[in-house]
Amino acid sequence: MIQHEFKIRFYGRTELAQEYFPNMHPIAAWAKLKLWLSINPDLCYLTKQKQRSFTSAQVEEIVRILGEP
């Protein structure tokens, strides 16, 4: 199985969700990532905002806490 190298960069929310859940429908992948973010005290603020993307700093924080996809 070929794995690609994950890069810390700007991601759309669905794009990042599909990095974590590549075999899920994009909407379902975002719902699952949103749930993971919402139950984590250090990341729940990301779900309260109406943003449709994550900055590289936010992605770095997500990966630091959840691990690399």
N, C-alpha and C. Protein backbone atom coordinates (compact mmCIF):
# COMPACT_ATOMS: atom_id res chain seq x y z
N MET A 1 0.84 -1.19 0.00
CA MET A 1 0.00 0.00 0.00
C MET A 1 0.89 1.25 0.00
N ILE A 2 0.65 2.13 -0.91
CA ILE A 2 1.44 3.36 -1.02
C ILE A 2 0.81 4.43 -0.13
N GLN A 3 1.62 5.01 0.73
CA GLN A 3 1.14 6.10 1.58
C GLN A 3 1.76 7.40 1.12
N HIS A 4 0.96 8.45 1.16
CA HIS A 4 1.52 9.75 0.82
C HIS A 4 1.94 10.46 2.10
N GLU A 5 2.85 11.38 1.94
CA GLU A 5 3.34 12.14 3.08
C GLU A 5 2.36 13.27 3.38
N PHE A 6 1.91 13.34 4.63
CA PHE A 6 0.99 14.40 5.04
C PHE A 6 1.78 15.68 5.25
N LYS A 7 1.29 16.77 4.72
CA LYS A 7 1.94 18.07 4.85
C LYS A 7 1.08 19.02 5.67
N ILE A 8 1.72 19.74 6.58
CA ILE A 8 1.04 20.79 7.33
C ILE A 8 0.90 21.98 6.39
N ARG A 9 -0.33 22.34 6.10
CA ARG A 9 -0.63 23.46 5.21
C ARG A 9 -2.07 23.87 5.41
N PHE A 10 -2.53 24.85 4.69
CA PHE A 10 -3.92 25.27 4.69
C PHE A 10 -4.76 24.13 4.10
N TYR A 11 -5.88 23.77 4.77
CA TYR A 11 -6.79 22.73 4.27
C TYR A 11 -8.23 23.22 4.38
N GLY A 12 -9.04 22.88 3.38
CA GLY A 12 -10.48 23.02 3.52
C GLY A 12 -10.92 21.99 4.55
N ARG A 13 -12.01 22.24 5.24
CA ARG A 13 -12.41 21.33 6.32
C ARG A 13 -12.72 19.93 5.81
N THR A 14 -13.38 19.82 4.66
CA THR A 14 -13.69 18.50 4.11
C THR A 14 -12.42 17.83 3.60
N GLU A 15 -11.53 18.61 3.02
CA GLU A 15 -10.26 18.08 2.54
C GLU A 15 -9.46 17.46 3.69
N LEU A 16 -9.39 18.15 4.82
CA LEU A 16 -8.69 17.62 5.98
C LEU A 16 -9.41 16.39 6.53
N ALA A 17 -10.72 16.45 6.58
CA ALA A 17 -11.49 15.30 7.07
C ALA A 17 -11.22 14.06 6.23
N GLN A 18 -11.08 14.24 4.93
CA GLN A 18 -10.82 13.09 4.06
C GLN A 18 -9.40 12.58 4.21
N GLU A 19 -8.49 13.40 4.72
CA GLU A 19 -7.16 12.91 5.06
C GLU A 19 -7.26 11.91 6.22
N TYR A 20 -8.13 12.21 7.18
CA TYR A 20 -8.31 11.32 8.32
C TYR A 20 -9.19 10.11 7.99
N PHE A 21 -10.17 10.31 7.14
CA PHE A 21 -11.13 9.25 6.82
C PHE A 21 -11.27 9.13 5.30
N PRO A 22 -10.26 8.60 4.63
CA PRO A 22 -10.24 8.59 3.16
C PRO A 22 -11.30 7.71 2.51
N ASN A 23 -11.85 6.75 3.23
CA ASN A 23 -12.83 5.84 2.64
C ASN A 23 -14.26 6.25 2.91
N MET A 24 -14.44 7.42 3.50
CA MET A 24 -15.79 7.89 3.80
C MET A 24 -16.21 8.96 2.80
N HIS A 25 -17.53 9.11 2.64
CA HIS A 25 -18.08 10.19 1.84
C HIS A 25 -17.62 11.51 2.47
N PRO A 26 -17.32 12.53 1.67
CA PRO A 26 -16.81 13.79 2.23
C PRO A 26 -17.66 14.39 3.35
N ILE A 27 -18.97 14.34 3.20
CA ILE A 27 -19.85 14.91 4.23
C ILE A 27 -19.76 14.09 5.52
N ALA A 28 -19.72 12.78 5.39
CA ALA A 28 -19.62 11.90 6.56
C ALA A 28 -18.24 12.06 7.22
N ALA A 29 -17.21 12.21 6.41
CA ALA A 29 -15.86 12.40 6.94
C ALA A 29 -15.79 13.69 7.76
N TRP A 30 -16.37 14.77 7.23
CA TRP A 30 -16.37 16.03 7.98
C TRP A 30 -17.17 15.89 9.26
N ALA A 31 -18.31 15.21 9.22
CA ALA A 31 -19.12 15.03 10.43
C ALA A 31 -18.32 14.29 11.50
N LYS A 32 -17.58 13.28 11.11
CA LYS A 32 -16.78 12.51 12.06
C LYS A 32 -15.62 13.34 12.62
N LEU A 33 -14.92 14.06 11.75
CA LEU A 33 -13.83 14.91 12.24
C LEU A 33 -14.38 16.01 13.15
N LYS A 34 -15.51 16.57 12.79
CA LYS A 34 -16.14 17.61 13.62
C LYS A 34 -16.48 17.05 15.00
N LEU A 35 -16.96 15.81 15.05
CA LEU A 35 -17.24 15.17 16.33
C LEU A 35 -15.96 15.02 17.14
N TRP A 36 -14.89 14.54 16.51
CA TRP A 36 -13.62 14.38 17.21
C TRP A 36 -13.13 15.72 17.76
N LEU A 37 -13.26 16.77 16.95
CA LEU A 37 -12.82 18.10 17.39
C LEU A 37 -13.69 18.60 18.54
N SER A 38 -15.00 18.37 18.45
CA SER A 38 -15.93 18.91 19.44
C SER A 38 -15.78 18.26 20.81
N ILE A 39 -15.34 17.00 20.86
CA ILE A 39 -15.21 16.34 22.16
C ILE A 39 -13.82 16.52 22.78
N ASN A 40 -12.93 17.15 22.04
CA ASN A 40 -11.59 17.41 22.56
C ASN A 40 -11.56 18.82 23.13
N PRO A 41 -11.30 18.97 24.43
CA PRO A 41 -11.33 20.31 25.05
C PRO A 41 -10.38 21.32 24.42
N ASP A 42 -9.25 20.85 23.88
CA ASP A 42 -8.29 21.77 23.28
C ASP A 42 -8.62 22.15 21.84
N LEU A 43 -9.55 21.43 21.22
CA LEU A 43 -9.88 21.69 19.82
C LEU A 43 -11.33 22.08 19.59
N CYS A 44 -12.16 22.02 20.61
CA CYS A 44 -13.59 22.27 20.42
C CYS A 44 -13.89 23.68 19.89
N TYR A 45 -13.01 24.62 20.15
CA TYR A 45 -13.23 25.98 19.65
C TYR A 45 -13.28 26.01 18.12
N LEU A 46 -12.64 25.04 17.47
CA LEU A 46 -12.63 25.01 16.00
C LEU A 46 -14.00 24.69 15.42
N THR A 47 -14.85 24.01 16.17
CA THR A 47 -16.18 23.66 15.66
C THR A 47 -17.20 24.75 15.95
N LYS A 48 -16.88 25.65 16.84
CA LYS A 48 -17.81 26.73 17.18
C LYS A 48 -17.73 27.88 16.18
N GLN A 49 -16.65 27.92 15.44
CA GLN A 49 -16.49 28.96 14.43
C GLN A 49 -17.12 28.50 13.12
N LYS A 50 -17.56 29.40 12.32
CA LYS A 50 -18.21 29.05 11.05
C LYS A 50 -17.22 29.02 9.89
N GLN A 51 -15.98 28.70 10.19
CA GLN A 51 -14.97 28.68 9.14
C GLN A 51 -15.10 27.42 8.29
N ARG A 52 -14.72 27.53 7.04
CA ARG A 52 -14.80 26.41 6.11
C ARG A 52 -13.42 25.85 5.78
N SER A 53 -12.42 26.36 6.49
CA SER A 53 -11.05 25.89 6.25
C SER A 53 -10.24 26.06 7.53
N PHE A 54 -9.07 25.43 7.52
CA PHE A 54 -8.15 25.50 8.65
C PHE A 54 -6.82 26.07 8.19
N THR A 55 -6.28 26.99 8.96
CA THR A 55 -4.96 27.54 8.65
C THR A 55 -3.91 26.48 8.94
N SER A 56 -2.71 26.70 8.47
CA SER A 56 -1.63 25.73 8.73
C SER A 56 -1.36 25.62 10.23
N ALA A 57 -1.50 26.71 10.97
CA ALA A 57 -1.31 26.67 12.43
C ALA A 57 -2.39 25.81 13.09
N GLN A 58 -3.63 25.93 12.63
CA GLN A 58 -4.71 25.11 13.18
C GLN A 58 -4.50 23.64 12.84
N VAL A 59 -4.07 23.37 11.60
CA VAL A 59 -3.80 21.98 11.19
C VAL A 59 -2.68 21.41 12.04
N GLU A 60 -1.65 22.19 12.29
CA GLU A 60 -0.55 21.73 13.12
C GLU A 60 -1.04 21.37 14.52
N GLU A 61 -1.93 22.18 15.08
CA GLU A 61 -2.48 21.91 16.40
C GLU A 61 -3.34 20.64 16.38
N ILE A 62 -4.16 20.48 15.35
CA ILE A 62 -5.00 19.29 15.22
C ILE A 62 -4.12 18.03 15.16
N VAL A 63 -3.10 18.07 14.33
CA VAL A 63 -2.20 16.92 14.18
C VAL A 63 -1.43 16.65 15.47
N ARG A 64 -1.05 17.68 16.18
CA ARG A 64 -0.33 17.50 17.44
C ARG A 64 -1.20 16.75 18.44
N ILE A 65 -2.50 17.05 18.44
CA ILE A 65 -3.41 16.46 19.43
C ILE A 65 -4.00 15.13 18.94
N LEU A 66 -4.46 15.08 17.69
CA LEU A 66 -5.11 13.87 17.19
C LEU A 66 -4.15 12.88 16.55
N GLY A 67 -2.97 13.38 16.18
CA GLY A 67 -2.03 12.54 15.46
C GLY A 67 -2.15 12.80 13.98
N GLU A 68 -1.16 12.31 13.25
CA GLU A 68 -1.14 12.51 11.80
C GLU A 68 -2.14 11.57 11.14
N PRO A 69 -2.86 12.07 10.14
CA PRO A 69 -3.81 11.18 9.46
C PRO A 69 -3.13 10.04 8.75
